[in-house]
N, C-alpha and C. Protein backbone atom coordinates (compact mmCIF):
# COMPACT_ATOMS: atom_id res chain seq x y z
N MET A 1 30.12 1.77 -32.70
CA MET A 1 28.87 2.44 -32.34
C MET A 1 28.75 2.47 -30.81
N GLU A 2 28.41 3.60 -30.27
CA GLU A 2 28.34 3.75 -28.81
C GLU A 2 27.01 3.23 -28.30
N THR A 3 27.06 2.45 -27.23
CA THR A 3 25.84 1.92 -26.61
C THR A 3 25.40 2.85 -25.50
N LYS A 4 24.15 3.24 -25.55
CA LYS A 4 23.63 4.17 -24.57
C LYS A 4 23.19 3.42 -23.31
N GLN A 5 23.61 3.87 -22.15
CA GLN A 5 23.22 3.26 -20.88
C GLN A 5 21.83 3.74 -20.49
N THR A 6 20.88 2.84 -20.41
CA THR A 6 19.51 3.24 -20.09
C THR A 6 19.09 2.81 -18.68
N GLY A 7 19.67 1.75 -18.19
CA GLY A 7 19.28 1.24 -16.88
C GLY A 7 20.16 1.81 -15.78
N PRO A 8 19.85 1.52 -14.52
CA PRO A 8 20.66 2.01 -13.41
C PRO A 8 22.01 1.31 -13.37
N ILE A 9 23.01 2.06 -12.97
CA ILE A 9 24.35 1.50 -12.87
C ILE A 9 24.48 0.79 -11.53
N GLY A 10 25.12 -0.36 -11.51
CA GLY A 10 25.32 -1.11 -10.28
C GLY A 10 24.48 -2.38 -10.28
N ARG A 11 24.74 -3.18 -9.28
CA ARG A 11 24.05 -4.47 -9.19
C ARG A 11 22.61 -4.30 -8.72
N PRO A 12 21.65 -4.89 -9.40
CA PRO A 12 20.26 -4.76 -8.97
C PRO A 12 20.03 -5.50 -7.66
N ARG A 13 19.01 -5.08 -6.94
CA ARG A 13 18.72 -5.70 -5.64
C ARG A 13 18.34 -7.17 -5.79
N GLY A 14 17.67 -7.50 -6.86
CA GLY A 14 17.28 -8.89 -7.05
C GLY A 14 15.96 -9.24 -6.38
N PHE A 15 15.25 -8.25 -5.86
CA PHE A 15 13.93 -8.51 -5.29
C PHE A 15 13.08 -7.25 -5.44
N ASP A 16 11.78 -7.44 -5.34
CA ASP A 16 10.83 -6.33 -5.46
C ASP A 16 10.68 -5.69 -4.08
N ALA A 17 11.26 -4.51 -3.90
CA ALA A 17 11.23 -3.86 -2.60
C ALA A 17 9.81 -3.53 -2.15
N ASP A 18 8.95 -3.18 -3.10
CA ASP A 18 7.58 -2.84 -2.77
C ASP A 18 6.83 -4.06 -2.25
N GLU A 19 7.02 -5.18 -2.92
CA GLU A 19 6.38 -6.43 -2.49
C GLU A 19 6.95 -6.88 -1.15
N ALA A 20 8.25 -6.72 -0.97
CA ALA A 20 8.88 -7.10 0.30
C ALA A 20 8.32 -6.26 1.45
N LEU A 21 8.11 -4.97 1.20
CA LEU A 21 7.55 -4.09 2.24
C LEU A 21 6.11 -4.48 2.56
N GLU A 22 5.34 -4.84 1.54
CA GLU A 22 3.97 -5.29 1.76
C GLU A 22 3.95 -6.53 2.67
N ARG A 23 4.86 -7.46 2.42
CA ARG A 23 4.92 -8.68 3.24
C ARG A 23 5.36 -8.37 4.67
N ALA A 24 6.29 -7.43 4.80
CA ALA A 24 6.74 -7.03 6.14
C ALA A 24 5.58 -6.39 6.90
N MET A 25 4.81 -5.56 6.22
CA MET A 25 3.65 -4.93 6.85
C MET A 25 2.69 -5.98 7.41
N LEU A 26 2.46 -7.04 6.64
CA LEU A 26 1.54 -8.09 7.07
C LEU A 26 2.08 -8.85 8.28
N VAL A 27 3.40 -9.03 8.34
CA VAL A 27 4.01 -9.70 9.48
C VAL A 27 3.86 -8.85 10.74
N PHE A 28 4.16 -7.55 10.64
CA PHE A 28 3.99 -6.65 11.78
C PHE A 28 2.53 -6.58 12.20
N TRP A 29 1.66 -6.56 11.22
CA TRP A 29 0.21 -6.49 11.48
C TRP A 29 -0.25 -7.72 12.26
N LYS A 30 0.26 -8.86 11.90
CA LYS A 30 -0.16 -10.11 12.54
C LYS A 30 0.49 -10.32 13.91
N HIS A 31 1.78 -10.01 14.01
CA HIS A 31 2.53 -10.37 15.21
C HIS A 31 2.86 -9.19 16.12
N GLY A 32 2.64 -7.96 15.66
CA GLY A 32 3.06 -6.81 16.44
C GLY A 32 4.54 -6.54 16.22
N TYR A 33 5.03 -5.43 16.74
CA TYR A 33 6.43 -5.05 16.51
C TYR A 33 7.39 -6.05 17.15
N GLU A 34 7.20 -6.33 18.42
CA GLU A 34 8.15 -7.21 19.11
C GLU A 34 7.96 -8.67 18.73
N GLY A 35 6.74 -9.04 18.39
CA GLY A 35 6.48 -10.42 18.00
C GLY A 35 7.02 -10.79 16.64
N ALA A 36 7.33 -9.77 15.84
CA ALA A 36 7.87 -10.00 14.49
C ALA A 36 9.39 -10.06 14.58
N SER A 37 9.94 -11.26 14.61
CA SER A 37 11.39 -11.42 14.68
C SER A 37 12.01 -11.10 13.33
N THR A 38 13.30 -10.83 13.34
CA THR A 38 14.01 -10.56 12.09
C THR A 38 13.92 -11.76 11.16
N ALA A 39 14.04 -12.96 11.71
CA ALA A 39 13.96 -14.18 10.90
C ALA A 39 12.59 -14.32 10.26
N CYS A 40 11.54 -14.01 11.05
CA CYS A 40 10.17 -14.08 10.54
C CYS A 40 9.97 -13.07 9.41
N LEU A 41 10.51 -11.89 9.59
CA LEU A 41 10.38 -10.84 8.58
C LEU A 41 11.10 -11.21 7.29
N THR A 42 12.36 -11.63 7.42
CA THR A 42 13.14 -11.93 6.21
C THR A 42 12.57 -13.15 5.48
N ASN A 43 12.07 -14.13 6.23
CA ASN A 43 11.45 -15.29 5.59
C ASN A 43 10.22 -14.87 4.78
N ALA A 44 9.40 -14.03 5.38
CA ALA A 44 8.19 -13.56 4.70
C ALA A 44 8.54 -12.69 3.49
N MET A 45 9.59 -11.88 3.63
CA MET A 45 9.99 -10.97 2.56
C MET A 45 10.77 -11.69 1.46
N GLY A 46 11.26 -12.89 1.77
CA GLY A 46 12.02 -13.65 0.78
C GLY A 46 13.40 -13.09 0.51
N ILE A 47 14.00 -12.47 1.53
CA ILE A 47 15.33 -11.87 1.36
C ILE A 47 16.21 -12.21 2.56
N SER A 48 17.49 -11.96 2.41
CA SER A 48 18.42 -12.20 3.51
C SER A 48 18.39 -11.02 4.48
N THR A 49 18.94 -11.24 5.67
CA THR A 49 19.03 -10.15 6.65
C THR A 49 19.87 -9.00 6.10
N THR A 50 20.94 -9.35 5.39
CA THR A 50 21.81 -8.33 4.79
C THR A 50 21.03 -7.47 3.81
N SER A 51 20.23 -8.12 2.97
CA SER A 51 19.43 -7.37 1.98
C SER A 51 18.39 -6.50 2.66
N MET A 52 17.81 -7.01 3.75
CA MET A 52 16.81 -6.23 4.48
C MET A 52 17.42 -4.95 5.04
N TYR A 53 18.59 -5.10 5.66
CA TYR A 53 19.25 -3.93 6.23
C TYR A 53 19.69 -2.95 5.15
N ALA A 54 20.15 -3.48 4.03
CA ALA A 54 20.61 -2.62 2.94
C ALA A 54 19.45 -1.83 2.32
N ALA A 55 18.30 -2.48 2.20
CA ALA A 55 17.16 -1.84 1.53
C ALA A 55 16.32 -0.98 2.47
N PHE A 56 16.17 -1.41 3.72
CA PHE A 56 15.22 -0.74 4.61
C PHE A 56 15.83 -0.20 5.89
N GLY A 57 17.07 -0.55 6.19
CA GLY A 57 17.65 -0.16 7.46
C GLY A 57 17.34 -1.22 8.51
N ASN A 58 17.36 -0.86 9.78
CA ASN A 58 17.11 -1.84 10.83
C ASN A 58 15.61 -2.13 10.98
N LYS A 59 15.28 -2.95 11.95
CA LYS A 59 13.89 -3.38 12.14
C LYS A 59 12.97 -2.19 12.43
N GLU A 60 13.46 -1.27 13.24
CA GLU A 60 12.64 -0.10 13.58
C GLU A 60 12.33 0.74 12.34
N LYS A 61 13.33 0.94 11.49
CA LYS A 61 13.11 1.72 10.26
C LYS A 61 12.16 0.99 9.31
N LEU A 62 12.29 -0.33 9.27
CA LEU A 62 11.39 -1.13 8.45
C LEU A 62 9.96 -0.99 8.97
N PHE A 63 9.80 -0.99 10.29
CA PHE A 63 8.47 -0.84 10.88
C PHE A 63 7.87 0.52 10.53
N ARG A 64 8.69 1.57 10.58
CA ARG A 64 8.20 2.91 10.23
C ARG A 64 7.67 2.93 8.80
N LYS A 65 8.41 2.29 7.91
CA LYS A 65 7.97 2.24 6.50
C LYS A 65 6.69 1.40 6.37
N ALA A 66 6.62 0.32 7.13
CA ALA A 66 5.43 -0.53 7.09
C ALA A 66 4.21 0.22 7.64
N LEU A 67 4.41 1.02 8.69
CA LEU A 67 3.30 1.79 9.26
C LEU A 67 2.82 2.85 8.27
N GLU A 68 3.76 3.46 7.55
CA GLU A 68 3.38 4.43 6.50
C GLU A 68 2.55 3.73 5.42
N ARG A 69 2.97 2.55 5.05
CA ARG A 69 2.25 1.80 4.02
C ARG A 69 0.85 1.43 4.52
N TYR A 70 0.76 1.05 5.78
CA TYR A 70 -0.53 0.71 6.37
C TYR A 70 -1.45 1.93 6.39
N THR A 71 -0.90 3.08 6.74
CA THR A 71 -1.68 4.32 6.82
C THR A 71 -2.22 4.72 5.45
N GLU A 72 -1.39 4.56 4.44
CA GLU A 72 -1.78 4.95 3.08
C GLU A 72 -2.60 3.89 2.36
N GLY A 73 -2.59 2.65 2.91
CA GLY A 73 -3.30 1.55 2.27
C GLY A 73 -4.51 1.11 3.08
N PRO A 74 -4.38 0.05 3.89
CA PRO A 74 -5.52 -0.47 4.64
C PRO A 74 -6.22 0.56 5.53
N SER A 75 -5.45 1.51 6.10
CA SER A 75 -6.03 2.48 7.02
C SER A 75 -6.43 3.80 6.33
N ALA A 76 -6.40 3.83 5.01
CA ALA A 76 -6.72 5.06 4.28
C ALA A 76 -8.19 5.46 4.40
N TYR A 77 -9.01 4.55 4.92
CA TYR A 77 -10.43 4.88 5.11
C TYR A 77 -10.61 6.08 6.04
N LEU A 78 -9.64 6.31 6.95
CA LEU A 78 -9.75 7.44 7.88
C LEU A 78 -9.71 8.77 7.13
N ALA A 79 -8.75 8.90 6.21
CA ALA A 79 -8.65 10.14 5.43
C ALA A 79 -9.89 10.33 4.56
N ARG A 80 -10.39 9.25 3.99
CA ARG A 80 -11.60 9.35 3.15
C ARG A 80 -12.82 9.74 3.99
N ALA A 81 -12.87 9.22 5.23
CA ALA A 81 -14.01 9.53 6.10
C ALA A 81 -14.09 11.02 6.41
N MET A 82 -12.95 11.69 6.49
CA MET A 82 -12.93 13.12 6.80
C MET A 82 -13.66 13.95 5.74
N GLU A 83 -13.84 13.38 4.56
CA GLU A 83 -14.48 14.10 3.45
C GLU A 83 -16.00 13.94 3.45
N GLU A 84 -16.54 13.13 4.36
CA GLU A 84 -17.99 12.98 4.45
C GLU A 84 -18.62 14.33 4.81
N PRO A 85 -19.79 14.64 4.26
CA PRO A 85 -20.38 15.96 4.45
C PRO A 85 -20.91 16.25 5.85
N THR A 86 -21.18 15.22 6.66
CA THR A 86 -21.69 15.43 8.02
C THR A 86 -20.82 14.71 9.03
N ALA A 87 -20.89 15.17 10.29
CA ALA A 87 -20.13 14.53 11.36
C ALA A 87 -20.59 13.09 11.56
N LEU A 88 -21.89 12.86 11.46
CA LEU A 88 -22.40 11.49 11.59
C LEU A 88 -21.87 10.63 10.45
N GLY A 89 -21.79 11.18 9.26
CA GLY A 89 -21.23 10.46 8.13
C GLY A 89 -19.77 10.11 8.36
N VAL A 90 -19.03 11.04 8.97
CA VAL A 90 -17.62 10.80 9.30
C VAL A 90 -17.50 9.64 10.28
N ALA A 91 -18.28 9.71 11.36
CA ALA A 91 -18.21 8.67 12.39
C ALA A 91 -18.63 7.31 11.83
N THR A 92 -19.69 7.31 11.03
CA THR A 92 -20.17 6.06 10.43
C THR A 92 -19.10 5.44 9.52
N ALA A 93 -18.46 6.29 8.71
CA ALA A 93 -17.43 5.81 7.78
C ALA A 93 -16.20 5.29 8.53
N ILE A 94 -15.84 5.95 9.62
CA ILE A 94 -14.68 5.52 10.41
C ILE A 94 -14.92 4.14 11.02
N LEU A 95 -16.08 3.97 11.64
CA LEU A 95 -16.35 2.68 12.28
C LEU A 95 -16.56 1.57 11.25
N ALA A 96 -17.23 1.90 10.15
CA ALA A 96 -17.40 0.89 9.09
C ALA A 96 -16.05 0.50 8.50
N GLY A 97 -15.18 1.49 8.31
CA GLY A 97 -13.84 1.22 7.79
C GLY A 97 -13.02 0.38 8.75
N THR A 98 -13.16 0.68 10.04
CA THR A 98 -12.45 -0.10 11.06
C THR A 98 -12.91 -1.55 11.05
N VAL A 99 -14.22 -1.76 11.02
CA VAL A 99 -14.76 -3.12 11.00
C VAL A 99 -14.28 -3.85 9.75
N ARG A 100 -14.38 -3.20 8.61
CA ARG A 100 -14.00 -3.83 7.34
C ARG A 100 -12.52 -4.19 7.31
N THR A 101 -11.67 -3.26 7.73
CA THR A 101 -10.22 -3.46 7.65
C THR A 101 -9.72 -4.49 8.66
N THR A 102 -10.32 -4.50 9.84
CA THR A 102 -9.83 -5.41 10.89
C THR A 102 -10.37 -6.82 10.77
N THR A 103 -11.30 -7.04 9.84
CA THR A 103 -11.87 -8.39 9.69
C THR A 103 -11.73 -8.92 8.27
N ARG A 104 -10.91 -8.28 7.45
CA ARG A 104 -10.76 -8.71 6.05
C ARG A 104 -10.15 -10.11 6.00
N PRO A 105 -10.78 -11.04 5.28
CA PRO A 105 -10.32 -12.44 5.27
C PRO A 105 -8.86 -12.61 4.82
N ALA A 106 -8.41 -11.84 3.86
CA ALA A 106 -7.08 -12.04 3.30
C ALA A 106 -5.98 -11.34 4.11
N HIS A 107 -6.35 -10.64 5.18
CA HIS A 107 -5.37 -9.91 5.98
C HIS A 107 -5.45 -10.34 7.44
N PRO A 108 -4.43 -10.01 8.22
CA PRO A 108 -4.50 -10.28 9.66
C PRO A 108 -5.67 -9.51 10.28
N HIS A 109 -6.28 -10.07 11.30
CA HIS A 109 -7.37 -9.36 11.97
C HIS A 109 -6.79 -8.39 13.00
N GLY A 110 -7.54 -7.35 13.29
CA GLY A 110 -7.05 -6.33 14.20
C GLY A 110 -6.43 -5.18 13.45
N CYS A 111 -5.75 -4.31 14.19
CA CYS A 111 -5.12 -3.09 13.64
C CYS A 111 -3.63 -3.13 13.89
N LEU A 112 -2.84 -2.84 12.88
CA LEU A 112 -1.39 -2.85 13.02
C LEU A 112 -0.95 -1.90 14.13
N GLY A 113 -1.54 -0.70 14.17
CA GLY A 113 -1.15 0.29 15.17
C GLY A 113 -1.51 -0.10 16.58
N VAL A 114 -2.57 -0.90 16.74
CA VAL A 114 -2.97 -1.36 18.07
C VAL A 114 -2.19 -2.61 18.46
N GLN A 115 -2.11 -3.57 17.53
CA GLN A 115 -1.39 -4.82 17.82
C GLN A 115 0.05 -4.54 18.23
N SER A 116 0.69 -3.63 17.55
CA SER A 116 2.11 -3.36 17.81
C SER A 116 2.32 -2.59 19.10
N ALA A 117 1.27 -1.96 19.60
CA ALA A 117 1.41 -1.16 20.81
C ALA A 117 1.11 -1.95 22.07
N LEU A 118 0.45 -3.10 21.93
CA LEU A 118 0.02 -3.84 23.12
C LEU A 118 1.17 -4.44 23.91
N THR A 119 2.22 -4.88 23.20
CA THR A 119 3.38 -5.45 23.90
C THR A 119 4.65 -4.82 23.35
N THR A 120 5.06 -3.73 23.98
CA THR A 120 6.30 -3.06 23.59
C THR A 120 7.12 -2.79 24.84
N SER A 121 8.28 -3.42 24.95
CA SER A 121 9.13 -3.27 26.13
C SER A 121 9.90 -1.96 26.08
N ASP A 122 10.70 -1.72 27.12
CA ASP A 122 11.48 -0.48 27.18
C ASP A 122 12.41 -0.33 25.99
N SER A 123 12.89 -1.45 25.45
CA SER A 123 13.81 -1.38 24.31
C SER A 123 13.10 -0.88 23.05
N GLY A 124 11.78 -0.96 23.06
CA GLY A 124 11.01 -0.49 21.91
C GLY A 124 10.37 0.86 22.16
N GLN A 125 10.99 1.68 23.00
CA GLN A 125 10.42 2.97 23.39
C GLN A 125 10.14 3.87 22.18
N GLU A 126 11.07 3.89 21.22
CA GLU A 126 10.88 4.76 20.06
C GLU A 126 9.68 4.32 19.23
N VAL A 127 9.49 3.02 19.11
CA VAL A 127 8.32 2.50 18.40
C VAL A 127 7.05 2.82 19.17
N ARG A 128 7.11 2.69 20.49
CA ARG A 128 5.94 3.03 21.31
C ARG A 128 5.58 4.50 21.12
N ASP A 129 6.59 5.37 21.14
CA ASP A 129 6.35 6.80 20.94
C ASP A 129 5.78 7.08 19.55
N LEU A 130 6.30 6.36 18.56
CA LEU A 130 5.81 6.51 17.19
C LEU A 130 4.32 6.17 17.12
N LEU A 131 3.94 5.08 17.78
CA LEU A 131 2.55 4.64 17.73
C LEU A 131 1.63 5.57 18.53
N VAL A 132 2.14 6.11 19.62
CA VAL A 132 1.36 7.10 20.38
C VAL A 132 1.08 8.31 19.48
N ALA A 133 2.12 8.77 18.78
CA ALA A 133 1.96 9.92 17.88
C ALA A 133 1.02 9.58 16.73
N TRP A 134 1.09 8.35 16.22
CA TRP A 134 0.23 7.91 15.12
C TRP A 134 -1.23 7.93 15.55
N ARG A 135 -1.50 7.40 16.73
CA ARG A 135 -2.88 7.39 17.22
C ARG A 135 -3.35 8.79 17.55
N GLN A 136 -2.47 9.60 18.11
CA GLN A 136 -2.84 10.97 18.45
C GLN A 136 -3.14 11.79 17.20
N ASN A 137 -2.41 11.53 16.14
CA ASN A 137 -2.66 12.23 14.88
C ASN A 137 -4.05 11.91 14.36
N GLY A 138 -4.44 10.64 14.45
CA GLY A 138 -5.78 10.26 14.03
C GLY A 138 -6.84 10.96 14.85
N HIS A 139 -6.64 11.01 16.17
CA HIS A 139 -7.58 11.70 17.05
C HIS A 139 -7.67 13.18 16.70
N SER A 140 -6.52 13.81 16.45
CA SER A 140 -6.50 15.25 16.14
C SER A 140 -7.26 15.56 14.86
N CYS A 141 -7.09 14.71 13.85
CA CYS A 141 -7.79 14.92 12.58
C CYS A 141 -9.31 14.86 12.78
N ILE A 142 -9.75 13.90 13.59
CA ILE A 142 -11.18 13.74 13.84
C ILE A 142 -11.69 14.91 14.68
N ARG A 143 -10.94 15.31 15.69
CA ARG A 143 -11.34 16.43 16.54
C ARG A 143 -11.52 17.70 15.71
N GLU A 144 -10.55 17.96 14.83
CA GLU A 144 -10.63 19.16 13.98
C GLU A 144 -11.84 19.10 13.05
N ARG A 145 -12.14 17.90 12.55
CA ARG A 145 -13.31 17.75 11.67
C ARG A 145 -14.60 17.99 12.45
N PHE A 146 -14.66 17.49 13.69
CA PHE A 146 -15.85 17.70 14.51
C PHE A 146 -15.98 19.16 14.95
N GLN A 147 -14.85 19.82 15.17
CA GLN A 147 -14.90 21.25 15.49
C GLN A 147 -15.50 22.02 14.32
N ARG A 148 -15.13 21.65 13.12
CA ARG A 148 -15.70 22.29 11.94
C ARG A 148 -17.20 22.04 11.87
N ALA A 149 -17.60 20.82 12.26
CA ALA A 149 -19.03 20.49 12.26
C ALA A 149 -19.79 21.35 13.26
N VAL A 150 -19.19 21.63 14.40
CA VAL A 150 -19.80 22.52 15.39
C VAL A 150 -19.90 23.93 14.82
N ASP A 151 -18.81 24.40 14.22
CA ASP A 151 -18.79 25.76 13.66
C ASP A 151 -19.82 25.93 12.54
N ASP A 152 -20.05 24.84 11.80
CA ASP A 152 -21.00 24.88 10.68
C ASP A 152 -22.44 24.63 11.10
N GLY A 153 -22.65 24.30 12.37
CA GLY A 153 -23.99 24.02 12.85
C GLY A 153 -24.45 22.59 12.60
N ASP A 154 -23.54 21.73 12.15
CA ASP A 154 -23.88 20.33 11.92
C ASP A 154 -23.96 19.56 13.23
N LEU A 155 -23.18 20.01 14.22
CA LEU A 155 -23.25 19.45 15.58
C LEU A 155 -23.74 20.55 16.52
N PRO A 156 -24.46 20.19 17.59
CA PRO A 156 -24.94 21.19 18.55
C PRO A 156 -23.78 22.02 19.11
N PRO A 157 -24.01 23.29 19.42
CA PRO A 157 -22.92 24.18 19.90
C PRO A 157 -22.27 23.72 21.19
N GLN A 158 -23.01 22.96 22.02
CA GLN A 158 -22.44 22.50 23.29
C GLN A 158 -21.57 21.25 23.14
N THR A 159 -21.47 20.71 21.92
CA THR A 159 -20.69 19.49 21.69
C THR A 159 -19.20 19.73 21.98
N ASP A 160 -18.58 18.80 22.66
CA ASP A 160 -17.13 18.84 22.91
C ASP A 160 -16.46 18.00 21.82
N PRO A 161 -15.85 18.64 20.80
CA PRO A 161 -15.26 17.90 19.68
C PRO A 161 -14.16 16.94 20.13
N GLY A 162 -13.36 17.36 21.13
CA GLY A 162 -12.27 16.51 21.60
C GLY A 162 -12.78 15.25 22.28
N LEU A 163 -13.81 15.41 23.11
CA LEU A 163 -14.39 14.26 23.80
C LEU A 163 -15.06 13.31 22.81
N LEU A 164 -15.78 13.87 21.85
CA LEU A 164 -16.45 13.05 20.85
C LEU A 164 -15.44 12.28 20.01
N ALA A 165 -14.34 12.96 19.65
CA ALA A 165 -13.28 12.30 18.87
C ALA A 165 -12.60 11.21 19.69
N ARG A 166 -12.39 11.47 20.98
CA ARG A 166 -11.74 10.48 21.85
C ARG A 166 -12.63 9.25 22.02
N TYR A 167 -13.92 9.48 22.18
CA TYR A 167 -14.85 8.36 22.28
C TYR A 167 -14.80 7.51 21.02
N LEU A 168 -14.85 8.17 19.87
CA LEU A 168 -14.89 7.45 18.60
C LEU A 168 -13.61 6.64 18.37
N THR A 169 -12.46 7.25 18.63
CA THR A 169 -11.20 6.53 18.41
C THR A 169 -11.04 5.38 19.41
N THR A 170 -11.45 5.60 20.66
CA THR A 170 -11.37 4.54 21.66
C THR A 170 -12.26 3.37 21.26
N PHE A 171 -13.45 3.69 20.76
CA PHE A 171 -14.37 2.64 20.34
C PHE A 171 -13.81 1.89 19.13
N ALA A 172 -13.21 2.64 18.20
CA ALA A 172 -12.63 2.02 17.01
C ALA A 172 -11.48 1.08 17.38
N TYR A 173 -10.64 1.50 18.33
CA TYR A 173 -9.54 0.63 18.75
C TYR A 173 -10.08 -0.59 19.48
N GLY A 174 -11.19 -0.41 20.20
CA GLY A 174 -11.82 -1.55 20.85
C GLY A 174 -12.33 -2.56 19.83
N ILE A 175 -12.88 -2.06 18.73
CA ILE A 175 -13.31 -2.94 17.64
C ILE A 175 -12.12 -3.74 17.13
N ALA A 176 -10.98 -3.07 16.96
CA ALA A 176 -9.78 -3.73 16.45
C ALA A 176 -9.33 -4.85 17.38
N VAL A 177 -9.37 -4.60 18.68
CA VAL A 177 -8.97 -5.62 19.65
C VAL A 177 -9.94 -6.81 19.61
N GLN A 178 -11.23 -6.49 19.51
CA GLN A 178 -12.23 -7.56 19.43
C GLN A 178 -12.06 -8.38 18.16
N ALA A 179 -11.77 -7.70 17.06
CA ALA A 179 -11.55 -8.40 15.79
C ALA A 179 -10.35 -9.33 15.89
N ALA A 180 -9.28 -8.86 16.52
CA ALA A 180 -8.09 -9.69 16.70
C ALA A 180 -8.38 -10.89 17.59
N SER A 181 -9.40 -10.77 18.44
CA SER A 181 -9.78 -11.87 19.34
C SER A 181 -10.74 -12.85 18.68
N GLY A 182 -11.14 -12.56 17.43
CA GLY A 182 -11.97 -13.49 16.69
C GLY A 182 -13.44 -13.13 16.58
N VAL A 183 -13.83 -11.96 17.10
CA VAL A 183 -15.24 -11.55 16.97
C VAL A 183 -15.51 -11.25 15.49
N GLY A 184 -16.64 -11.70 14.99
CA GLY A 184 -16.95 -11.61 13.57
C GLY A 184 -17.38 -10.23 13.10
N ARG A 185 -17.31 -10.04 11.79
CA ARG A 185 -17.62 -8.75 11.17
C ARG A 185 -19.05 -8.30 11.46
N ASP A 186 -20.02 -9.19 11.34
CA ASP A 186 -21.43 -8.81 11.53
C ASP A 186 -21.68 -8.30 12.94
N GLU A 187 -21.12 -9.00 13.92
CA GLU A 187 -21.32 -8.59 15.31
C GLU A 187 -20.65 -7.25 15.57
N LEU A 188 -19.47 -7.05 15.04
CA LEU A 188 -18.76 -5.78 15.23
C LEU A 188 -19.51 -4.63 14.57
N GLN A 189 -20.09 -4.88 13.40
CA GLN A 189 -20.85 -3.83 12.73
C GLN A 189 -22.11 -3.49 13.51
N GLU A 190 -22.73 -4.49 14.13
CA GLU A 190 -23.90 -4.24 14.98
C GLU A 190 -23.52 -3.35 16.16
N MET A 191 -22.33 -3.61 16.74
CA MET A 191 -21.84 -2.78 17.83
C MET A 191 -21.62 -1.35 17.36
N ALA A 192 -21.03 -1.20 16.19
CA ALA A 192 -20.78 0.14 15.64
C ALA A 192 -22.09 0.88 15.40
N ASP A 193 -23.07 0.18 14.85
CA ASP A 193 -24.38 0.80 14.60
C ASP A 193 -25.03 1.24 15.91
N ALA A 194 -24.92 0.39 16.93
CA ALA A 194 -25.52 0.71 18.23
C ALA A 194 -24.84 1.92 18.86
N ALA A 195 -23.54 2.02 18.69
CA ALA A 195 -22.79 3.13 19.29
C ALA A 195 -23.21 4.48 18.73
N LEU A 196 -23.68 4.50 17.49
CA LEU A 196 -24.03 5.75 16.83
C LEU A 196 -25.54 6.01 16.80
N ARG A 197 -26.29 5.15 17.48
CA ARG A 197 -27.75 5.25 17.39
C ARG A 197 -28.28 6.53 18.02
N ASN A 198 -27.61 7.03 19.05
CA ASN A 198 -28.07 8.24 19.74
C ASN A 198 -27.17 9.44 19.44
N TRP A 199 -26.74 9.54 18.20
CA TRP A 199 -25.86 10.64 17.77
C TRP A 199 -26.60 11.97 17.85
N PRO A 200 -25.90 13.07 18.27
CA PRO A 200 -24.53 13.08 18.81
C PRO A 200 -24.50 12.55 20.23
N LEU A 201 -23.40 11.96 20.60
CA LEU A 201 -23.31 11.23 21.86
C LEU A 201 -23.06 12.15 23.05
N PHE A 202 -22.45 13.30 22.81
CA PHE A 202 -22.12 14.20 23.93
C PHE A 202 -22.58 15.62 23.61
């Protein structure tokens, strides 16, 4: 009787790649790109250096995958905020999401995209460029949403969508830095509320 092959052919990896990537994301989030050594990453992932390279490529490629996971997971509040019906609702959701994500007890404080950008040497130029593009993409999404708000009459016609988006993203990154420095959630939320008290700001 012939036995039908149902599983994949070849030796299994022996570890959960999804779980390993989640752990790598947390290491990068806590230590930044350069602060996360290969030994620190493999220890957290529970795999050998050989397995890490085989499954994810080098450290830079692993970071790219971790940043994607962060964008689709902890940082997904940004995409959800774009769906708010008003510009003020968008801004409120972005800052609330930033405060919530950067101060969550079970996760590192701060923002992976900010922490990893603060100390990047010349050897990490590609990662620095990646993070610049990542932050710029967030700004562009918000600017386009605010432009729509101007076109729809939700924001005054004299509003500069680019300036308003730049202010909001700069403030959000400032929250992330403060959170990483140990400032508490309640205080950060008070700051966020104060920043939006005189909406629209420009």
